[in-house]
Amino acid sequence: MTDFQKYIQRYLDLIPSEKWLEELKKSEEKTVQIYSNLTEEQSLFAYAEAKWTLKELLLHLSDTERVFQYRILAIARGEEKNLPGFDEENYAKNSFANERSLESLLEEYQSIRKSSQILLETVNSSALKNIGIANGNQISPETIGKLIVGHNIHHLNVIEERYLPNL
């Protein structure tokens, strides 16, 4: 198993069932529930120095999902070029998430998730098995779809373990 496979497996292992498209919806519902119960002040909380605020974390979920959507689309449509990686820390630093309202960030997250659901439900099942290259690693659109779920669950766990107990 390569380092990349080990890295993504930690996210895939978080998906509680084989019905990952249903888990996509469940992770959205849980994220919306948590964020809907936060005040603007609470959404600016970071549990440690140099850690993201809850707003930055939410926009990180949206940014990552957008990148993953592009990779799903490109590979499903037969793209053969290596798709670029992205620096999540740089994206967060340049997001200005803390200057936005929590409501707008949550609306954006929900819109992106709806778009992911439509994309994943309408891509031909055989195209979900295509193999492409993203950030120098071979991967399928289906695996990327599952990574959206596992990545979201990972951050929900971090929120529950490190953020919410301190609010």
N, C-alpha and C. Protein backbone atom coordinates (compact mmCIF):
# COMPACT_ATOMS: atom_id res chain seq x y z
N MET A 1 0.85 -1.19 0.00
CA MET A 1 0.00 0.00 0.00
C MET A 1 0.89 1.24 0.00
N THR A 2 0.62 2.16 -0.92
CA THR A 2 1.41 3.38 -1.03
C THR A 2 1.04 4.36 0.09
N ASP A 3 1.87 5.37 0.28
CA ASP A 3 1.56 6.41 1.27
C ASP A 3 0.24 7.11 0.93
N PHE A 4 0.00 7.33 -0.36
CA PHE A 4 -1.24 7.96 -0.78
C PHE A 4 -2.43 7.08 -0.42
N GLN A 5 -2.33 5.79 -0.70
CA GLN A 5 -3.42 4.88 -0.36
C GLN A 5 -3.68 4.86 1.15
N LYS A 6 -2.62 4.88 1.94
CA LYS A 6 -2.77 4.93 3.40
C LYS A 6 -3.44 6.23 3.82
N TYR A 7 -3.03 7.33 3.18
CA TYR A 7 -3.59 8.64 3.50
C TYR A 7 -5.10 8.68 3.24
N ILE A 8 -5.53 8.22 2.08
CA ILE A 8 -6.96 8.29 1.76
C ILE A 8 -7.76 7.23 2.52
N GLN A 9 -7.11 6.12 2.86
CA GLN A 9 -7.83 5.05 3.56
C GLN A 9 -8.34 5.52 4.91
N ARG A 10 -7.60 6.43 5.55
CA ARG A 10 -8.05 6.93 6.87
C ARG A 10 -9.38 7.67 6.75
N TYR A 11 -9.64 8.29 5.60
CA TYR A 11 -10.93 8.95 5.37
C TYR A 11 -11.99 7.93 4.98
N LEU A 12 -11.63 6.99 4.11
CA LEU A 12 -12.59 5.99 3.65
C LEU A 12 -13.07 5.12 4.82
N ASP A 13 -12.18 4.86 5.77
CA ASP A 13 -12.54 4.04 6.93
C ASP A 13 -13.56 4.70 7.84
N LEU A 14 -13.74 6.00 7.71
CA LEU A 14 -14.70 6.73 8.55
C LEU A 14 -16.14 6.61 8.05
N ILE A 15 -16.33 6.17 6.82
CA ILE A 15 -17.67 6.07 6.25
C ILE A 15 -18.37 4.87 6.90
N PRO A 16 -19.48 5.12 7.60
CA PRO A 16 -20.09 4.06 8.42
C PRO A 16 -20.83 2.95 7.67
N SER A 17 -21.08 3.13 6.37
CA SER A 17 -21.76 2.07 5.63
C SER A 17 -21.29 2.06 4.18
N GLU A 18 -21.67 1.00 3.48
CA GLU A 18 -21.33 0.90 2.06
C GLU A 18 -22.16 1.85 1.21
N LYS A 19 -23.24 2.36 1.76
CA LYS A 19 -24.14 3.26 1.03
C LYS A 19 -23.61 4.69 1.15
N TRP A 20 -22.51 4.94 0.48
CA TRP A 20 -21.80 6.19 0.66
C TRP A 20 -22.56 7.40 0.14
N LEU A 21 -23.43 7.24 -0.85
CA LEU A 21 -24.23 8.38 -1.31
C LEU A 21 -25.24 8.79 -0.24
N GLU A 22 -25.76 7.83 0.50
CA GLU A 22 -26.63 8.18 1.64
C GLU A 22 -25.82 8.84 2.74
N GLU A 23 -24.61 8.37 2.94
CA GLU A 23 -23.74 8.96 3.96
C GLU A 23 -23.34 10.39 3.58
N LEU A 24 -23.29 10.67 2.27
CA LEU A 24 -23.03 12.03 1.80
C LEU A 24 -24.11 12.96 2.33
N LYS A 25 -25.36 12.53 2.22
CA LYS A 25 -26.49 13.33 2.71
C LYS A 25 -26.47 13.45 4.24
N LYS A 26 -26.17 12.34 4.91
CA LYS A 26 -26.15 12.35 6.38
C LYS A 26 -25.07 13.28 6.92
N SER A 27 -23.90 13.27 6.28
CA SER A 27 -22.82 14.15 6.75
C SER A 27 -23.18 15.62 6.53
N GLU A 28 -23.90 15.89 5.45
CA GLU A 28 -24.38 17.26 5.23
C GLU A 28 -25.37 17.66 6.32
N GLU A 29 -26.32 16.79 6.60
CA GLU A 29 -27.33 17.09 7.63
C GLU A 29 -26.68 17.37 8.98
N LYS A 30 -25.70 16.56 9.34
CA LYS A 30 -25.03 16.75 10.63
C LYS A 30 -24.23 18.05 10.64
N THR A 31 -23.57 18.35 9.54
CA THR A 31 -22.80 19.60 9.44
C THR A 31 -23.73 20.80 9.56
N VAL A 32 -24.83 20.77 8.84
CA VAL A 32 -25.79 21.88 8.89
C VAL A 32 -26.38 22.01 10.30
N GLN A 33 -26.68 20.90 10.93
CA GLN A 33 -27.23 20.94 12.29
C GLN A 33 -26.25 21.61 13.26
N ILE A 34 -25.00 21.22 13.21
CA ILE A 34 -24.00 21.80 14.12
C ILE A 34 -23.85 23.29 13.86
N TYR A 35 -23.66 23.66 12.60
CA TYR A 35 -23.41 25.06 12.27
C TYR A 35 -24.64 25.93 12.47
N SER A 36 -25.82 25.38 12.32
CA SER A 36 -27.05 26.15 12.51
C SER A 36 -27.26 26.53 13.97
N ASN A 37 -26.61 25.81 14.86
CA ASN A 37 -26.74 26.09 16.29
C ASN A 37 -25.63 26.97 16.85
N LEU A 38 -24.77 27.47 15.98
CA LEU A 38 -23.68 28.35 16.41
C LEU A 38 -24.08 29.81 16.27
N THR A 39 -23.54 30.63 17.14
CA THR A 39 -23.66 32.08 16.98
C THR A 39 -22.50 32.55 16.11
N GLU A 40 -22.60 33.78 15.63
CA GLU A 40 -21.48 34.35 14.87
C GLU A 40 -20.20 34.33 15.70
N GLU A 41 -20.32 34.69 16.97
CA GLU A 41 -19.16 34.71 17.86
C GLU A 41 -18.55 33.32 18.00
N GLN A 42 -19.38 32.32 18.21
CA GLN A 42 -18.88 30.94 18.34
C GLN A 42 -18.21 30.47 17.06
N SER A 43 -18.72 30.91 15.92
CA SER A 43 -18.16 30.45 14.64
C SER A 43 -16.76 31.00 14.39
N LEU A 44 -16.34 31.97 15.19
CA LEU A 44 -14.99 32.52 15.08
C LEU A 44 -14.00 31.83 16.03
N PHE A 45 -14.48 30.80 16.72
CA PHE A 45 -13.65 30.08 17.69
C PHE A 45 -12.67 29.14 16.99
N ALA A 46 -11.43 29.13 17.47
CA ALA A 46 -10.42 28.15 17.08
C ALA A 46 -9.91 27.52 18.37
N TYR A 47 -9.75 26.23 18.39
CA TYR A 47 -9.41 25.54 19.64
C TYR A 47 -7.95 25.69 20.06
N ALA A 48 -7.11 26.18 19.15
CA ALA A 48 -5.70 26.39 19.48
C ALA A 48 -5.12 27.43 18.53
N GLU A 49 -3.97 27.96 18.92
CA GLU A 49 -3.25 28.92 18.08
C GLU A 49 -2.92 28.25 16.75
N ALA A 50 -3.11 28.99 15.67
CA ALA A 50 -2.80 28.55 14.30
C ALA A 50 -3.73 27.45 13.80
N LYS A 51 -4.85 27.23 14.49
CA LYS A 51 -5.87 26.31 14.00
C LYS A 51 -6.99 27.14 13.38
N TRP A 52 -7.72 26.52 12.47
CA TRP A 52 -8.79 27.23 11.78
C TRP A 52 -9.95 27.54 12.73
N THR A 53 -10.61 28.65 12.44
CA THR A 53 -11.87 28.92 13.13
C THR A 53 -12.93 27.99 12.54
N LEU A 54 -14.07 27.92 13.21
CA LEU A 54 -15.15 27.10 12.67
C LEU A 54 -15.61 27.60 11.31
N LYS A 55 -15.57 28.91 11.10
CA LYS A 55 -15.92 29.45 9.78
C LYS A 55 -14.90 28.99 8.73
N GLU A 56 -13.63 29.07 9.06
CA GLU A 56 -12.59 28.65 8.12
C GLU A 56 -12.71 27.15 7.82
N LEU A 57 -13.04 26.38 8.83
CA LEU A 57 -13.21 24.95 8.63
C LEU A 57 -14.37 24.67 7.69
N LEU A 58 -15.47 25.38 7.86
CA LEU A 58 -16.62 25.18 6.98
C LEU A 58 -16.28 25.55 5.54
N LEU A 59 -15.58 26.65 5.35
CA LEU A 59 -15.20 27.02 3.99
C LEU A 59 -14.16 26.05 3.43
N HIS A 60 -13.32 25.50 4.29
CA HIS A 60 -12.39 24.45 3.86
C HIS A 60 -13.16 23.26 3.29
N LEU A 61 -14.23 22.87 3.96
CA LEU A 61 -15.06 21.77 3.44
C LEU A 61 -15.60 22.11 2.05
N SER A 62 -16.07 23.33 1.89
CA SER A 62 -16.59 23.77 0.59
C SER A 62 -15.51 23.82 -0.47
N ASP A 63 -14.37 24.40 -0.14
CA ASP A 63 -13.27 24.50 -1.10
C ASP A 63 -12.80 23.12 -1.55
N THR A 64 -12.62 22.24 -0.59
CA THR A 64 -12.15 20.89 -0.89
C THR A 64 -13.16 20.15 -1.77
N GLU A 65 -14.42 20.31 -1.43
CA GLU A 65 -15.46 19.62 -2.20
C GLU A 65 -15.49 20.14 -3.65
N ARG A 66 -15.27 21.43 -3.83
CA ARG A 66 -15.22 21.98 -5.19
C ARG A 66 -14.08 21.37 -5.99
N VAL A 67 -12.92 21.27 -5.36
CA VAL A 67 -11.76 20.67 -6.03
C VAL A 67 -12.08 19.21 -6.38
N PHE A 68 -12.67 18.50 -5.42
CA PHE A 68 -13.01 17.09 -5.65
C PHE A 68 -14.06 16.95 -6.75
N GLN A 69 -15.03 17.87 -6.81
CA GLN A 69 -16.03 17.84 -7.88
C GLN A 69 -15.36 17.95 -9.24
N TYR A 70 -14.43 18.88 -9.37
CA TYR A 70 -13.72 19.03 -10.64
C TYR A 70 -13.00 17.75 -11.01
N ARG A 71 -12.33 17.14 -10.04
CA ARG A 71 -11.61 15.90 -10.32
C ARG A 71 -12.57 14.79 -10.74
N ILE A 72 -13.71 14.68 -10.07
CA ILE A 72 -14.72 13.68 -10.43
C ILE A 72 -15.16 13.88 -11.88
N LEU A 73 -15.53 15.12 -12.20
CA LEU A 73 -15.99 15.44 -13.55
C LEU A 73 -14.92 15.15 -14.59
N ALA A 74 -13.72 15.64 -14.35
CA ALA A 74 -12.64 15.49 -15.33
C ALA A 74 -12.32 14.02 -15.59
N ILE A 75 -12.17 13.25 -14.53
CA ILE A 75 -11.80 11.84 -14.71
C ILE A 75 -12.97 11.05 -15.30
N ALA A 76 -14.19 11.34 -14.87
CA ALA A 76 -15.36 10.66 -15.43
C ALA A 76 -15.49 10.94 -16.93
N ARG A 77 -15.06 12.10 -17.36
CA ARG A 77 -15.17 12.47 -18.78
C ARG A 77 -13.94 12.07 -19.58
N GLY A 78 -13.01 11.38 -18.93
CA GLY A 78 -11.88 10.82 -19.66
C GLY A 78 -10.61 11.65 -19.66
N GLU A 79 -10.51 12.63 -18.80
CA GLU A 79 -9.29 13.44 -18.74
C GLU A 79 -8.10 12.53 -18.45
N GLU A 80 -7.03 12.71 -19.20
CA GLU A 80 -5.84 11.88 -19.03
C GLU A 80 -4.68 12.64 -18.40
N LYS A 81 -4.79 13.96 -18.34
CA LYS A 81 -3.72 14.77 -17.75
C LYS A 81 -3.76 14.67 -16.23
N ASN A 82 -2.61 14.90 -15.62
CA ASN A 82 -2.52 14.93 -14.16
C ASN A 82 -3.23 16.19 -13.66
N LEU A 83 -4.24 16.01 -12.84
CA LEU A 83 -4.96 17.15 -12.27
C LEU A 83 -4.16 17.69 -11.10
N PRO A 84 -4.08 19.01 -10.97
CA PRO A 84 -3.23 19.59 -9.93
C PRO A 84 -3.76 19.35 -8.52
N GLY A 85 -2.83 19.38 -7.58
CA GLY A 85 -3.19 19.35 -6.17
C GLY A 85 -3.54 20.75 -5.72
N PHE A 86 -3.79 20.91 -4.42
CA PHE A 86 -4.03 22.24 -3.89
C PHE A 86 -3.52 22.30 -2.46
N ASP A 87 -3.14 23.49 -2.04
CA ASP A 87 -2.60 23.71 -0.70
C ASP A 87 -3.72 24.20 0.19
N GLU A 88 -4.27 23.31 1.00
CA GLU A 88 -5.43 23.66 1.83
C GLU A 88 -5.12 24.79 2.81
N GLU A 89 -3.91 24.85 3.31
CA GLU A 89 -3.54 25.93 4.24
C GLU A 89 -3.54 27.29 3.52
N ASN A 90 -3.02 27.31 2.32
CA ASN A 90 -3.00 28.54 1.54
C ASN A 90 -4.42 28.97 1.17
N TYR A 91 -5.25 28.01 0.79
CA TYR A 91 -6.65 28.32 0.48
C TYR A 91 -7.34 28.93 1.70
N ALA A 92 -7.15 28.33 2.86
CA ALA A 92 -7.79 28.84 4.08
C ALA A 92 -7.28 30.24 4.42
N LYS A 93 -5.98 30.43 4.28
CA LYS A 93 -5.38 31.73 4.60
C LYS A 93 -5.93 32.83 3.72
N ASN A 94 -6.26 32.48 2.49
CA ASN A 94 -6.75 33.47 1.52
C ASN A 94 -8.26 33.44 1.33
N SER A 95 -8.98 32.78 2.21
CA SER A 95 -10.43 32.61 2.05
C SER A 95 -11.25 33.78 2.57
N PHE A 96 -10.73 34.51 3.54
CA PHE A 96 -11.46 35.60 4.20
C PHE A 96 -12.78 35.09 4.80
N ALA A 97 -12.78 33.81 5.20
CA ALA A 97 -13.99 33.20 5.77
C ALA A 97 -14.49 33.96 6.99
N ASN A 98 -13.58 34.44 7.81
CA ASN A 98 -13.99 35.11 9.05
C ASN A 98 -14.67 36.46 8.81
N GLU A 99 -14.55 36.97 7.60
CA GLU A 99 -15.20 38.24 7.25
C GLU A 99 -16.61 38.03 6.72
N ARG A 100 -16.97 36.80 6.48
CA ARG A 100 -18.29 36.47 5.93
C ARG A 100 -19.25 36.08 7.05
N SER A 101 -20.52 36.14 6.75
CA SER A 101 -21.51 35.71 7.74
C SER A 101 -21.55 34.18 7.76
N LEU A 102 -21.85 33.65 8.91
CA LEU A 102 -22.01 32.21 9.04
C LEU A 102 -23.12 31.72 8.11
N GLU A 103 -24.17 32.49 8.01
CA GLU A 103 -25.29 32.13 7.14
C GLU A 103 -24.84 31.96 5.69
N SER A 104 -24.01 32.88 5.20
CA SER A 104 -23.56 32.79 3.80
C SER A 104 -22.64 31.59 3.59
N LEU A 105 -21.80 31.28 4.57
CA LEU A 105 -20.91 30.12 4.46
C LEU A 105 -21.70 28.82 4.46
N LEU A 106 -22.73 28.78 5.29
CA LEU A 106 -23.56 27.58 5.37
C LEU A 106 -24.38 27.40 4.09
N GLU A 107 -24.88 28.50 3.55
CA GLU A 107 -25.62 28.45 2.28
C GLU A 107 -24.71 27.93 1.16
N GLU A 108 -23.48 28.42 1.13
CA GLU A 108 -22.52 27.97 0.11
C GLU A 108 -22.24 26.48 0.26
N TYR A 109 -22.00 26.04 1.48
CA TYR A 109 -21.74 24.62 1.74
C TYR A 109 -22.89 23.76 1.23
N GLN A 110 -24.11 24.16 1.55
CA GLN A 110 -25.28 23.37 1.14
C GLN A 110 -25.44 23.35 -0.39
N SER A 111 -25.15 24.46 -1.03
CA SER A 111 -25.24 24.52 -2.50
C SER A 111 -24.20 23.60 -3.14
N ILE A 112 -23.01 23.63 -2.62
CA ILE A 112 -21.94 22.78 -3.16
C ILE A 112 -22.28 21.31 -2.93
N ARG A 113 -22.80 20.99 -1.75
CA ARG A 113 -23.15 19.59 -1.47
C ARG A 113 -24.26 19.11 -2.41
N LYS A 114 -25.25 19.96 -2.66
CA LYS A 114 -26.32 19.61 -3.59
C LYS A 114 -25.73 19.33 -4.97
N SER A 115 -24.80 20.16 -5.38
CA SER A 115 -24.14 19.98 -6.67
C SER A 115 -23.37 18.66 -6.71
N SER A 116 -22.70 18.32 -5.62
CA SER A 116 -21.97 17.04 -5.54
C SER A 116 -22.94 15.87 -5.67
N GLN A 117 -24.06 15.96 -4.97
CA GLN A 117 -25.04 14.88 -5.01
C GLN A 117 -25.55 14.67 -6.44
N ILE A 118 -25.88 15.76 -7.10
CA ILE A 118 -26.37 15.66 -8.48
C ILE A 118 -25.29 15.06 -9.38
N LEU A 119 -24.07 15.55 -9.27
CA LEU A 119 -22.97 15.04 -10.09
C LEU A 119 -22.78 13.54 -9.86
N LEU A 120 -22.68 13.14 -8.60
CA LEU A 120 -22.40 11.74 -8.29
C LEU A 120 -23.56 10.81 -8.64
N GLU A 121 -24.78 11.32 -8.57
CA GLU A 121 -25.94 10.50 -8.91
C GLU A 121 -26.17 10.40 -10.42
N THR A 122 -25.58 11.30 -11.19
CA THR A 122 -25.84 11.30 -12.63
C THR A 122 -24.66 10.86 -13.49
N VAL A 123 -23.47 10.78 -12.92
CA VAL A 123 -22.34 10.26 -13.69
C VAL A 123 -22.61 8.78 -13.93
N ASN A 124 -22.39 8.34 -15.16
CA ASN A 124 -22.60 6.95 -15.51
C ASN A 124 -21.79 6.06 -14.57
N SER A 125 -22.39 4.96 -14.13
CA SER A 125 -21.73 4.08 -13.16
C SER A 125 -20.40 3.55 -13.68
N SER A 126 -20.29 3.32 -14.98
CA SER A 126 -19.00 2.85 -15.51
C SER A 126 -17.96 3.96 -15.47
N ALA A 127 -18.38 5.21 -15.66
CA ALA A 127 -17.44 6.34 -15.61
C ALA A 127 -16.93 6.59 -14.19
N LEU A 128 -17.73 6.19 -13.19
CA LEU A 128 -17.27 6.32 -11.80
C LEU A 128 -16.06 5.42 -11.53
N LYS A 129 -15.86 4.41 -12.37
CA LYS A 129 -14.75 3.47 -12.20
C LYS A 129 -13.51 3.88 -13.00
N ASN A 130 -13.64 4.93 -13.85
CA ASN A 130 -12.48 5.40 -14.61
C ASN A 130 -11.32 5.66 -13.65
N ILE A 131 -10.13 5.52 -14.19
CA ILE A 131 -8.94 5.84 -13.40
C ILE A 131 -8.26 7.05 -14.03
N GLY A 132 -8.03 8.05 -13.21
CA GLY A 132 -7.32 9.24 -13.66
C GLY A 132 -6.19 9.53 -12.69
N ILE A 133 -5.56 10.67 -12.90
CA ILE A 133 -4.44 11.05 -12.03
C ILE A 133 -4.73 12.43 -11.44
N ALA A 134 -4.72 12.49 -10.12
CA ALA A 134 -4.89 13.75 -9.41
C ALA A 134 -3.73 13.91 -8.44
N ASN A 135 -3.05 15.05 -8.55
CA ASN A 135 -1.92 15.33 -7.67
C ASN A 135 -0.89 14.19 -7.73
N GLY A 136 -0.73 13.62 -8.94
CA GLY A 136 0.27 12.58 -9.15
C GLY A 136 -0.14 11.18 -8.72
N ASN A 137 -1.39 11.00 -8.32
CA ASN A 137 -1.85 9.71 -7.82
C ASN A 137 -3.04 9.20 -8.63
N GLN A 138 -3.05 7.90 -8.91
CA GLN A 138 -4.18 7.30 -9.62
C GLN A 138 -5.38 7.20 -8.68
N ILE A 139 -6.55 7.55 -9.22
CA ILE A 139 -7.76 7.54 -8.41
C ILE A 139 -8.98 7.51 -9.32
N SER A 140 -10.08 6.99 -8.79
CA SER A 140 -11.33 6.94 -9.56
C SER A 140 -12.29 8.01 -9.06
N PRO A 141 -13.24 8.42 -9.90
CA PRO A 141 -14.27 9.36 -9.45
C PRO A 141 -15.06 8.82 -8.24
N GLU A 142 -15.31 7.52 -8.23
CA GLU A 142 -16.04 6.94 -7.09
C GLU A 142 -15.27 7.12 -5.79
N THR A 143 -13.98 6.85 -5.84
CA THR A 143 -13.15 7.03 -4.64
C THR A 143 -13.13 8.49 -4.21
N ILE A 144 -13.07 9.39 -5.16
CA ILE A 144 -13.09 10.82 -4.81
C ILE A 144 -14.43 11.18 -4.16
N GLY A 145 -15.53 10.63 -4.69
CA GLY A 145 -16.83 10.85 -4.07
C GLY A 145 -16.86 10.36 -2.64
N LYS A 146 -16.29 9.19 -2.41
CA LYS A 146 -16.21 8.66 -1.05
C LYS A 146 -15.32 9.53 -0.17
N LEU A 147 -14.28 10.11 -0.76
CA LEU A 147 -13.40 11.00 0.01
C LEU A 147 -14.14 12.25 0.47
N ILE A 148 -15.08 12.75 -0.33
CA ILE A 148 -15.89 13.89 0.10
C ILE A 148 -16.59 13.53 1.41
N VAL A 149 -17.16 12.34 1.45
CA VAL A 149 -17.88 11.88 2.64
C VAL A 149 -16.93 11.71 3.82
N GLY A 150 -15.86 10.95 3.63
CA GLY A 150 -14.92 10.68 4.71
C GLY A 150 -14.25 11.94 5.23
N HIS A 151 -13.92 12.85 4.33
CA HIS A 151 -13.30 14.12 4.72
C HIS A 151 -14.26 14.93 5.58
N ASN A 152 -15.52 14.97 5.19
CA ASN A 152 -16.53 15.70 5.96
C ASN A 152 -16.68 15.07 7.35
N ILE A 153 -16.77 13.74 7.40
CA ILE A 153 -16.91 13.05 8.69
C ILE A 153 -15.69 13.30 9.57
N HIS A 154 -14.50 13.28 8.97
CA HIS A 154 -13.27 13.57 9.73
C HIS A 154 -13.39 14.92 10.43
N HIS A 155 -13.82 15.93 9.68
CA HIS A 155 -13.91 17.27 10.27
C HIS A 155 -15.07 17.38 11.27
N LEU A 156 -16.14 16.64 11.06
CA LEU A 156 -17.20 16.60 12.07
C LEU A 156 -16.66 16.03 13.38
N ASN A 157 -15.84 15.00 13.28
CA ASN A 157 -15.22 14.42 14.47
C ASN A 157 -14.33 15.43 15.18
N VAL A 158 -13.55 16.17 14.42
CA VAL A 158 -12.68 17.20 15.00
C VAL A 158 -13.53 18.27 15.68
N ILE A 159 -14.60 18.69 15.04
CA ILE A 159 -15.49 19.69 15.64
C ILE A 159 -16.05 19.18 16.97
N GLU A 160 -16.52 17.96 16.98
CA GLU A 160 -17.12 17.40 18.20
C GLU A 160 -16.09 17.19 19.30
N GLU A 161 -14.87 16.83 18.94
CA GLU A 161 -13.84 16.54 19.93
C GLU A 161 -13.09 17.77 20.42
N ARG A 162 -12.86 18.75 19.54
CA ARG A 162 -11.95 19.85 19.88
C ARG A 162 -12.61 21.22 19.93
N TYR A 163 -13.70 21.40 19.24
CA TYR A 163 -14.35 22.71 19.20
C TYR A 163 -15.52 22.79 20.17
N LEU A 164 -16.52 21.94 19.97
CA LEU A 164 -17.76 22.05 20.72
C LEU A 164 -17.57 21.97 22.25
N PRO A 165 -16.68 21.11 22.76
CA PRO A 165 -16.52 21.08 24.23
C PRO A 165 -16.00 22.41 24.81
N ASN A 166 -15.42 23.25 23.96
CA ASN A 166 -14.83 24.51 24.43
C ASN A 166 -15.71 25.73 24.18
N LEU A 167 -16.89 25.49 23.64
CA LEU A 167 -17.79 26.63 23.36
C LEU A 167 -18.72 26.88 24.52
